[in-house]
C-alpha atoms as a PDB file:
ATOM      1  CA  UNK A   1      -7.185 -12.167   6.389  1.00  0.00           C
ATOM      2  CA  UNK A   2      -8.455  -9.343   4.302  1.00  0.00           C
ATOM      3  CA  UNK A   3      -5.644  -6.746   2.915  1.00  0.00           C
ATOM      4  CA  UNK A   4      -5.564  -3.752   1.340  1.00  0.00           C
ATOM      5  CA  UNK A   5      -2.327  -2.990  -0.730  1.00  0.00           C
ATOM      6  CA  UNK A   6      -1.339   0.548  -1.117  1.00  0.00           C
ATOM      7  CA  UNK A   7      -0.741   1.902  -4.702  1.00  0.00           C
ATOM      8  CA  UNK A   8       3.176   1.965  -4.077  1.00  0.00           C
ATOM      9  CA  UNK A   9       2.888  -2.122  -4.593  1.00  0.00           C
ATOM     10  CA  UNK A  10       2.853  -3.490  -7.826  1.00  0.00           C
ATOM     11  CA  UNK A  11      -0.097  -5.287  -9.415  1.00  0.00           C
ATOM     12  CA  UNK A  12       1.858  -8.406  -9.693  1.00  0.00           C
ATOM     13  CA  UNK A  13       2.187  -8.510  -5.873  1.00  0.00           C
ATOM     14  CA  UNK A  14      -1.746  -8.100  -5.647  1.00  0.00           C
ATOM     15  CA  UNK A  15      -2.071 -10.621  -8.179  1.00  0.00           C
ATOM     16  CA  UNK A  16       0.419 -13.021  -6.507  1.00  0.00           C
ATOM     17  CA  UNK A  17      -1.319 -12.543  -3.378  1.00  0.00           C
ATOM     18  CA  UNK A  18      -4.667 -13.069  -4.404  1.00  0.00           C
ATOM     19  CA  UNK A  19      -4.188 -16.068  -6.454  1.00  0.00           C
ATOM     20  CA  UNK A  20      -1.248 -17.946  -5.419  1.00  0.00           C
ATOM     21  CA  UNK A  21      -1.419 -17.377  -1.591  1.00  0.00           C
ATOM     22  CA  UNK A  22      -5.480 -17.093  -2.025  1.00  0.00           C
ATOM     23  CA  UNK A  23      -5.832 -13.948   0.235  1.00  0.00           C
ATOM     24  CA  UNK A  24      -8.459 -11.633  -0.042  1.00  0.00           C
ATOM     25  CA  UNK A  25      -6.601  -8.573  -1.083  1.00  0.00           C
ATOM     26  CA  UNK A  26      -7.642  -5.316  -2.766  1.00  0.00           C
ATOM     27  CA  UNK A  27      -5.684  -2.906  -4.603  1.00  0.00           C
ATOM     28  CA  UNK A  28      -5.883   0.562  -3.800  1.00  0.00           C
ATOM     29  CA  UNK A  29      -6.116   1.996  -7.173  1.00  0.00           C
ATOM     30  CA  UNK A  30      -8.623  -0.089  -8.514  1.00  0.00           C
ATOM     31  CA  UNK A  31     -10.296   0.830  -5.293  1.00  0.00           C
ATOM     32  CA  UNK A  32     -10.478   4.644  -6.499  1.00  0.00           C
ATOM     33  CA  UNK A  33      -7.739   5.639  -3.511  1.00  0.00           C
ATOM     34  CA  UNK A  34      -4.646   6.357  -5.991  1.00  0.00           C
ATOM     35  CA  UNK A  35      -3.274   9.925  -5.292  1.00  0.00           C
ATOM     36  CA  UNK A  36      -5.664  10.263  -2.389  1.00  0.00           C
ATOM     37  CA  UNK A  37      -4.259  11.260   0.883  1.00  0.00           C
ATOM     38  CA  UNK A  38      -2.852   8.584   3.469  1.00  0.00           C
ATOM     39  CA  UNK A  39      -5.616   9.374   6.013  1.00  0.00           C
ATOM     40  CA  UNK A  40      -8.141   8.582   3.270  1.00  0.00           C
ATOM     41  CA  UNK A  41      -6.585   5.211   2.540  1.00  0.00           C
ATOM     42  CA  UNK A  42      -6.379   4.637   6.227  1.00  0.00           C
ATOM     43  CA  UNK A  43     -10.118   5.151   6.486  1.00  0.00           C
ATOM     44  CA  UNK A  44     -10.677   2.976   3.942  1.00  0.00           C
ATOM     45  CA  UNK A  45      -8.774   0.289   5.260  1.00  0.00           C
ATOM     46  CA  UNK A  46     -10.379   0.744   8.794  1.00  0.00           C
ATOM     47  CA  UNK A  47     -13.869   0.628   7.361  1.00  0.00           C
ATOM     48  CA  UNK A  48     -13.716  -2.389   5.124  1.00  0.00           C
ATOM     49  CA  UNK A  49     -11.864  -4.062   7.811  1.00  0.00           C
ATOM     50  CA  UNK A  50      -8.656  -4.596   6.135  1.00  0.00           C
ATOM     51  CA  UNK A  51      -5.032  -4.485   6.878  1.00  0.00           C
ATOM     52  CA  UNK A  52      -3.133  -1.938   4.880  1.00  0.00           C
ATOM     53  CA  UNK A  53      -0.079  -3.188   3.360  1.00  0.00           C
ATOM     54  CA  UNK A  54       2.418  -0.193   2.402  1.00  0.00           C
ATOM     55  CA  UNK A  55       5.892   0.993   1.647  1.00  0.00           C
ATOM     56  CA  UNK A  56       5.658   4.315   2.868  1.00  0.00           C
ATOM     57  CA  UNK A  57       7.043   5.425   5.918  1.00  0.00           C
ATOM     58  CA  UNK A  58       4.240   8.038   7.007  1.00  0.00           C
ATOM     59  CA  UNK A  59       3.296   6.910  10.496  1.00  0.00           C
ATOM     60  CA  UNK A  60       4.377  10.338  11.956  1.00  0.00           C
ATOM     61  CA  UNK A  61       1.648  11.895   9.623  1.00  0.00           C
ATOM     62  CA  UNK A  62      -1.092  10.064  11.416  1.00  0.00           C
ATOM     63  CA  UNK A  63       0.336  10.302  15.252  1.00  0.00           C
ATOM     64  CA  UNK A  64       3.205   7.915  15.579  1.00  0.00           C
ATOM     65  CA  UNK A  65       3.985   4.267  14.942  1.00  0.00           C
ATOM     66  CA  UNK A  66       0.662   3.481  16.814  1.00  0.00           C
ATOM     67  CA  UNK A  67      -2.833   4.745  16.086  1.00  0.00           C
ATOM     68  CA  UNK A  68      -6.364   3.383  16.852  1.00  0.00           C
ATOM     69  CA  UNK A  69      -5.674  -0.184  17.059  1.00  0.00           C
ATOM     70  CA  UNK A  70      -3.030  -0.293  14.064  1.00  0.00           C
ATOM     71  CA  UNK A  71       0.650  -0.426  14.395  1.00  0.00           C
ATOM     72  CA  UNK A  72       3.107   0.360  11.849  1.00  0.00           C
ATOM     73  CA  UNK A  73       6.193  -1.666  11.349  1.00  0.00           C
ATOM     74  CA  UNK A  74       9.136  -1.151   8.995  1.00  0.00           C
ATOM     75  CA  UNK A  75      10.245  -4.049   7.200  1.00  0.00           C
ATOM     76  CA  UNK A  76      13.662  -4.161   5.275  1.00  0.00           C
ATOM     77  CA  UNK A  77      13.192  -4.504   1.578  1.00  0.00           C
ATOM     78  CA  UNK A  78      15.053  -7.423  -0.272  1.00  0.00           C
ATOM     79  CA  UNK A  79      17.640  -6.325  -2.676  1.00  0.00           C
ATOM     80  CA  UNK A  80      16.412  -8.996  -5.272  1.00  0.00           C
ATOM     81  CA  UNK A  81      13.525 -11.338  -5.503  1.00  0.00           C
ATOM     82  CA  UNK A  82      11.767 -13.500  -7.807  1.00  0.00           C
ATOM     83  CA  UNK A  83       7.777 -14.252  -7.899  1.00  0.00           C
ATOM     84  CA  UNK A  84       7.018 -17.594  -9.319  1.00  0.00           C
ATOM     85  CA  UNK A  85       5.078 -17.697 -12.608  1.00  0.00           C
ATOM     86  CA  UNK A  86       2.674 -20.460 -13.274  1.00  0.00           C
END
């Protein structure tokens, strides 16, 4: 699995996913995508064959909840969570 975490996800989430879960994940800001339009972030994910993980609800801007083989799902946010530290 190859992921691209959008800029609204913390670097702790990126590090946890990469190190603890051993998943290939890129951080959008580290890839020069901070502040870029959502369509550009989406295009980068497509070109690099990655799943875009974001907290944004911007599907309407890109043509609805389904487009070009991508699916948008709203996931409820937890009220509290803890990341284990090693």
